[in-house]
């Protein structure tokens, strides 16, 4: 039921101007209803997010004050090379440009992802690369902005946080 409410809210918000971008190697039901679908090749998530970050830096679209006050390792990212990143994602330049224009033209960015990004041998690095895009633009810790990991099970947090399941009392 909760998912149905979310889909209804998204559809209503789309009528008011919300844009939905789906980034997934598979063309899913969600991708069918998206305003923009990016079919990244499996394993190119980090390249994609680093490409966004590098482009934000190159075009000086990042929040300088936020970066100076809150980020470490900015110079490393600033000096990285993007020559092969787009090629490894197998996205066309036109499709990436359409996405980047939408991304940089949006006042609010909420990035929601599921277990595919988290449950990977590179899960930590994939999450960091995604979160970096929010950190660079300062679109984090502000209403209507931020990264949001969607867990797969209703009791996922209970199981992780206190070692309990839905059939047990907390902490056994």
C-alpha atoms as a PDB file:
ATOM      1  CA  UNK A   1       0.000   0.000   0.000  1.00  0.00           C
ATOM      2  CA  UNK A   2       2.811   2.464   0.841  1.00  0.00           C
ATOM      3  CA  UNK A   3       4.347   1.992  -2.600  1.00  0.00           C
ATOM      4  CA  UNK A   4       1.016   2.706  -4.285  1.00  0.00           C
ATOM      5  CA  UNK A   5       0.706   5.975  -2.424  1.00  0.00           C
ATOM      6  CA  UNK A   6       4.211   6.941  -3.484  1.00  0.00           C
ATOM      7  CA  UNK A   7       3.488   6.222  -7.156  1.00  0.00           C
ATOM      8  CA  UNK A   8       0.279   8.256  -6.981  1.00  0.00           C
ATOM      9  CA  UNK A   9       2.152  11.143  -5.362  1.00  0.00           C
ATOM     10  CA  UNK A  10       4.857  10.994  -8.025  1.00  0.00           C
ATOM     11  CA  UNK A  11       2.275  11.000 -10.823  1.00  0.00           C
ATOM     12  CA  UNK A  12       0.535  14.017  -9.257  1.00  0.00           C
ATOM     13  CA  UNK A  13       3.862  15.799  -8.832  1.00  0.00           C
ATOM     14  CA  UNK A  14       4.790  15.100 -12.467  1.00  0.00           C
ATOM     15  CA  UNK A  15       1.695  17.070 -13.479  1.00  0.00           C
ATOM     16  CA  UNK A  16       3.141  19.973 -11.474  1.00  0.00           C
ATOM     17  CA  UNK A  17       6.538  19.788 -13.181  1.00  0.00           C
ATOM     18  CA  UNK A  18       8.437  17.008 -11.397  1.00  0.00           C
ATOM     19  CA  UNK A  19      10.885  15.260 -13.738  1.00  0.00           C
ATOM     20  CA  UNK A  20      11.746  11.616 -13.165  1.00  0.00           C
ATOM     21  CA  UNK A  21      14.992  10.154 -14.488  1.00  0.00           C
ATOM     22  CA  UNK A  22      15.548   6.408 -14.316  1.00  0.00           C
ATOM     23  CA  UNK A  23      19.118   5.130 -14.490  1.00  0.00           C
ATOM     24  CA  UNK A  24      19.093   1.362 -14.925  1.00  0.00           C
ATOM     25  CA  UNK A  25      20.527  -1.163 -17.375  1.00  0.00           C
ATOM     26  CA  UNK A  26      17.047  -2.761 -17.551  1.00  0.00           C
ATOM     27  CA  UNK A  27      14.064  -1.113 -19.191  1.00  0.00           C
ATOM     28  CA  UNK A  28      11.602  -1.538 -16.315  1.00  0.00           C
ATOM     29  CA  UNK A  29       8.028  -0.421 -15.661  1.00  0.00           C
ATOM     30  CA  UNK A  30       9.484   2.553 -13.802  1.00  0.00           C
ATOM     31  CA  UNK A  31      11.648   3.424 -16.812  1.00  0.00           C
ATOM     32  CA  UNK A  32       8.538   3.411 -19.010  1.00  0.00           C
ATOM     33  CA  UNK A  33       6.984   6.204 -16.940  1.00  0.00           C
ATOM     34  CA  UNK A  34      10.192   8.253 -16.644  1.00  0.00           C
ATOM     35  CA  UNK A  35      10.754  11.567 -18.366  1.00  0.00           C
ATOM     36  CA  UNK A  36      14.266  10.402 -19.199  1.00  0.00           C
ATOM     37  CA  UNK A  37      15.698   6.888 -19.187  1.00  0.00           C
ATOM     38  CA  UNK A  38      19.460   6.311 -19.035  1.00  0.00           C
ATOM     39  CA  UNK A  39      20.418   2.698 -19.821  1.00  0.00           C
ATOM     40  CA  UNK A  40      23.841   2.568 -18.161  1.00  0.00           C
ATOM     41  CA  UNK A  41      25.850  -0.539 -18.810  1.00  0.00           C
ATOM     42  CA  UNK A  42      26.230  -2.752 -15.735  1.00  0.00           C
ATOM     43  CA  UNK A  43      29.241  -1.699 -13.663  1.00  0.00           C
ATOM     44  CA  UNK A  44      29.517   1.868 -14.975  1.00  0.00           C
ATOM     45  CA  UNK A  45      27.704   3.616 -12.095  1.00  0.00           C
ATOM     46  CA  UNK A  46      30.884   5.135 -10.654  1.00  0.00           C
ATOM     47  CA  UNK A  47      31.958   6.440 -14.052  1.00  0.00           C
ATOM     48  CA  UNK A  48      28.537   8.017 -14.539  1.00  0.00           C
ATOM     49  CA  UNK A  49      28.435   9.787 -11.173  1.00  0.00           C
ATOM     50  CA  UNK A  50      32.076  10.889 -11.448  1.00  0.00           C
ATOM     51  CA  UNK A  51      31.312  12.235 -14.920  1.00  0.00           C
ATOM     52  CA  UNK A  52      28.509  14.361 -13.457  1.00  0.00           C
ATOM     53  CA  UNK A  53      30.799  15.576 -10.667  1.00  0.00           C
ATOM     54  CA  UNK A  54      33.668  16.374 -13.015  1.00  0.00           C
ATOM     55  CA  UNK A  55      31.366  18.256 -15.365  1.00  0.00           C
ATOM     56  CA  UNK A  56      29.952  20.256 -12.431  1.00  0.00           C
ATOM     57  CA  UNK A  57      33.512  21.164 -11.467  1.00  0.00           C
ATOM     58  CA  UNK A  58      34.643  21.980 -15.013  1.00  0.00           C
ATOM     59  CA  UNK A  59      31.695  24.313 -15.530  1.00  0.00           C
ATOM     60  CA  UNK A  60      32.144  25.846 -12.073  1.00  0.00           C
ATOM     61  CA  UNK A  61      28.594  24.915 -11.080  1.00  0.00           C
ATOM     62  CA  UNK A  62      29.616  23.692  -7.674  1.00  0.00           C
ATOM     63  CA  UNK A  63      28.867  25.505  -4.422  1.00  0.00           C
ATOM     64  CA  UNK A  64      32.344  26.885  -3.604  1.00  0.00           C
ATOM     65  CA  UNK A  65      31.487  27.886  -0.058  1.00  0.00           C
ATOM     66  CA  UNK A  66      29.944  24.493   0.745  1.00  0.00           C
ATOM     67  CA  UNK A  67      32.934  22.693  -0.810  1.00  0.00           C
ATOM     68  CA  UNK A  68      35.463  24.770   1.155  1.00  0.00           C
ATOM     69  CA  UNK A  69      33.617  24.357   4.440  1.00  0.00           C
ATOM     70  CA  UNK A  70      32.563  20.713   4.233  1.00  0.00           C
ATOM     71  CA  UNK A  71      34.495  18.591   1.724  1.00  0.00           C
ATOM     72  CA  UNK A  72      37.768  16.692   1.707  1.00  0.00           C
ATOM     73  CA  UNK A  73      39.491  15.374  -1.417  1.00  0.00           C
ATOM     74  CA  UNK A  74      38.063  18.011  -3.758  1.00  0.00           C
ATOM     75  CA  UNK A  75      41.385  18.594  -5.526  1.00  0.00           C
ATOM     76  CA  UNK A  76      41.687  14.893  -6.342  1.00  0.00           C
ATOM     77  CA  UNK A  77      38.298  14.885  -8.046  1.00  0.00           C
ATOM     78  CA  UNK A  78      38.960  18.241  -9.686  1.00  0.00           C
ATOM     79  CA  UNK A  79      42.136  16.919 -11.302  1.00  0.00           C
ATOM     80  CA  UNK A  80      40.712  13.558 -12.432  1.00  0.00           C
ATOM     81  CA  UNK A  81      40.318  12.681 -16.115  1.00  0.00           C
ATOM     82  CA  UNK A  82      36.968  11.994 -17.807  1.00  0.00           C
ATOM     83  CA  UNK A  83      38.239  10.877 -21.190  1.00  0.00           C
ATOM     84  CA  UNK A  84      36.904   7.322 -20.904  1.00  0.00           C
ATOM     85  CA  UNK A  85      34.033   7.767 -18.427  1.00  0.00           C
ATOM     86  CA  UNK A  86      31.251   8.446 -20.917  1.00  0.00           C
ATOM     87  CA  UNK A  87      32.518   5.699 -23.205  1.00  0.00           C
ATOM     88  CA  UNK A  88      32.329   3.140 -20.378  1.00  0.00           C
ATOM     89  CA  UNK A  89      28.711   4.062 -19.596  1.00  0.00           C
ATOM     90  CA  UNK A  90      27.758   3.449 -23.279  1.00  0.00           C
ATOM     91  CA  UNK A  91      25.453   6.483 -23.140  1.00  0.00           C
ATOM     92  CA  UNK A  92      25.440   8.747 -26.160  1.00  0.00           C
ATOM     93  CA  UNK A  93      26.786  12.253 -25.683  1.00  0.00           C
ATOM     94  CA  UNK A  94      23.340  13.594 -26.631  1.00  0.00           C
ATOM     95  CA  UNK A  95      21.590  11.549 -23.961  1.00  0.00           C
ATOM     96  CA  UNK A  96      24.115  12.581 -21.305  1.00  0.00           C
ATOM     97  CA  UNK A  97      23.758  16.241 -22.345  1.00  0.00           C
ATOM     98  CA  UNK A  98      19.966  16.005 -22.058  1.00  0.00           C
ATOM     99  CA  UNK A  99      20.347  14.574 -18.560  1.00  0.00           C
ATOM    100  CA  UNK A 100      22.997  17.101 -17.509  1.00  0.00           C
ATOM    101  CA  UNK A 101      20.886  20.044 -18.683  1.00  0.00           C
ATOM    102  CA  UNK A 102      17.919  18.730 -16.682  1.00  0.00           C
ATOM    103  CA  UNK A 103      20.135  18.019 -13.643  1.00  0.00           C
ATOM    104  CA  UNK A 104      21.840  21.421 -13.556  1.00  0.00           C
ATOM    105  CA  UNK A 105      18.631  23.280 -14.370  1.00  0.00           C
ATOM    106  CA  UNK A 106      16.753  21.783 -11.430  1.00  0.00           C
ATOM    107  CA  UNK A 107      16.461  23.706  -8.186  1.00  0.00           C
ATOM    108  CA  UNK A 108      15.850  20.486  -6.245  1.00  0.00           C
ATOM    109  CA  UNK A 109      17.511  17.106  -6.751  1.00  0.00           C
ATOM    110  CA  UNK A 110      16.477  13.992  -4.866  1.00  0.00           C
ATOM    111  CA  UNK A 111      18.417  10.886  -5.826  1.00  0.00           C
ATOM    112  CA  UNK A 112      16.733   7.668  -4.721  1.00  0.00           C
ATOM    113  CA  UNK A 113      18.333   4.284  -5.289  1.00  0.00           C
ATOM    114  CA  UNK A 114      17.734   0.706  -4.292  1.00  0.00           C
ATOM    115  CA  UNK A 115      19.751  -2.350  -3.390  1.00  0.00           C
ATOM    116  CA  UNK A 116      21.370  -2.692  -6.826  1.00  0.00           C
ATOM    117  CA  UNK A 117      23.726   0.143  -5.983  1.00  0.00           C
ATOM    118  CA  UNK A 118      24.246  -0.877  -2.368  1.00  0.00           C
ATOM    119  CA  UNK A 119      24.670  -4.624  -2.741  1.00  0.00           C
ATOM    120  CA  UNK A 120      27.637  -4.583  -5.060  1.00  0.00           C
ATOM    121  CA  UNK A 121      31.290  -5.393  -4.582  1.00  0.00           C
ATOM    122  CA  UNK A 122      31.766  -1.657  -5.220  1.00  0.00           C
ATOM    123  CA  UNK A 123      28.718  -0.587  -3.221  1.00  0.00           C
ATOM    124  CA  UNK A 124      30.530   1.843  -0.929  1.00  0.00           C
ATOM    125  CA  UNK A 125      32.323   3.533  -3.829  1.00  0.00           C
ATOM    126  CA  UNK A 126      29.121   3.710  -5.869  1.00  0.00           C
ATOM    127  CA  UNK A 127      27.298   5.383  -2.981  1.00  0.00           C
ATOM    128  CA  UNK A 128      30.173   7.808  -2.400  1.00  0.00           C
ATOM    129  CA  UNK A 129      30.282   8.770  -6.079  1.00  0.00           C
ATOM    130  CA  UNK A 130      26.526   9.413  -6.058  1.00  0.00           C
ATOM    131  CA  UNK A 131      26.631  11.395  -2.805  1.00  0.00           C
ATOM    132  CA  UNK A 132      29.517  13.495  -4.198  1.00  0.00           C
ATOM    133  CA  UNK A 133      27.158  14.950  -6.815  1.00  0.00           C
ATOM    134  CA  UNK A 134      24.968  16.290  -4.003  1.00  0.00           C
ATOM    135  CA  UNK A 135      27.910  17.528  -1.964  1.00  0.00           C
ATOM    136  CA  UNK A 136      29.411  19.470  -4.870  1.00  0.00           C
ATOM    137  CA  UNK A 137      26.195  21.306  -5.610  1.00  0.00           C
ATOM    138  CA  UNK A 138      25.282  21.794  -1.952  1.00  0.00           C
ATOM    139  CA  UNK A 139      21.999  19.983  -2.688  1.00  0.00           C
ATOM    140  CA  UNK A 140      22.113  18.085   0.549  1.00  0.00           C
ATOM    141  CA  UNK A 141      20.709  18.882   3.991  1.00  0.00           C
ATOM    142  CA  UNK A 142      18.255  21.261   2.294  1.00  0.00           C
ATOM    143  CA  UNK A 143      14.515  20.753   1.946  1.00  0.00           C
ATOM    144  CA  UNK A 144      13.648  19.062  -1.327  1.00  0.00           C
ATOM    145  CA  UNK A 145      17.197  17.838  -1.933  1.00  0.00           C
ATOM    146  CA  UNK A 146      19.418  14.938  -1.055  1.00  0.00           C
ATOM    147  CA  UNK A 147      20.376  11.328  -1.547  1.00  0.00           C
ATOM    148  CA  UNK A 148      17.939   8.651  -0.361  1.00  0.00           C
ATOM    149  CA  UNK A 149      18.731   4.945  -0.207  1.00  0.00           C
ATOM    150  CA  UNK A 150      15.547   2.892  -0.432  1.00  0.00           C
ATOM    151  CA  UNK A 151      15.800  -0.370   1.491  1.00  0.00           C
ATOM    152  CA  UNK A 152      14.162  -3.519   0.210  1.00  0.00           C
ATOM    153  CA  UNK A 153      12.437  -5.012   3.237  1.00  0.00           C
ATOM    154  CA  UNK A 154      10.026  -3.447   5.721  1.00  0.00           C
ATOM    155  CA  UNK A 155      12.183  -4.610   8.623  1.00  0.00           C
ATOM    156  CA  UNK A 156      15.571  -4.007   7.060  1.00  0.00           C
ATOM    157  CA  UNK A 157      16.539  -1.353   9.592  1.00  0.00           C
ATOM    158  CA  UNK A 158      15.354  -3.414  12.556  1.00  0.00           C
ATOM    159  CA  UNK A 159      17.469  -6.308  11.388  1.00  0.00           C
ATOM    160  CA  UNK A 160      20.549  -4.170  10.797  1.00  0.00           C
ATOM    161  CA  UNK A 161      20.333  -1.785  13.703  1.00  0.00           C
ATOM    162  CA  UNK A 162      19.440  -4.066  16.585  1.00  0.00           C
ATOM    163  CA  UNK A 163      19.869  -7.565  15.197  1.00  0.00           C
ATOM    164  CA  UNK A 164      16.192  -8.383  15.457  1.00  0.00           C
ATOM    165  CA  UNK A 165      13.608  -9.662  13.029  1.00  0.00           C
ATOM    166  CA  UNK A 166       9.904  -8.901  12.817  1.00  0.00           C
ATOM    167  CA  UNK A 167       9.170 -12.088  14.792  1.00  0.00           C
ATOM    168  CA  UNK A 168      11.514 -11.179  17.680  1.00  0.00           C
ATOM    169  CA  UNK A 169      11.724  -8.591  20.391  1.00  0.00           C
ATOM    170  CA  UNK A 170      14.456  -6.014  19.780  1.00  0.00           C
ATOM    171  CA  UNK A 171      17.966  -7.162  20.643  1.00  0.00           C
ATOM    172  CA  UNK A 172      16.599 -10.679  21.261  1.00  0.00           C
END
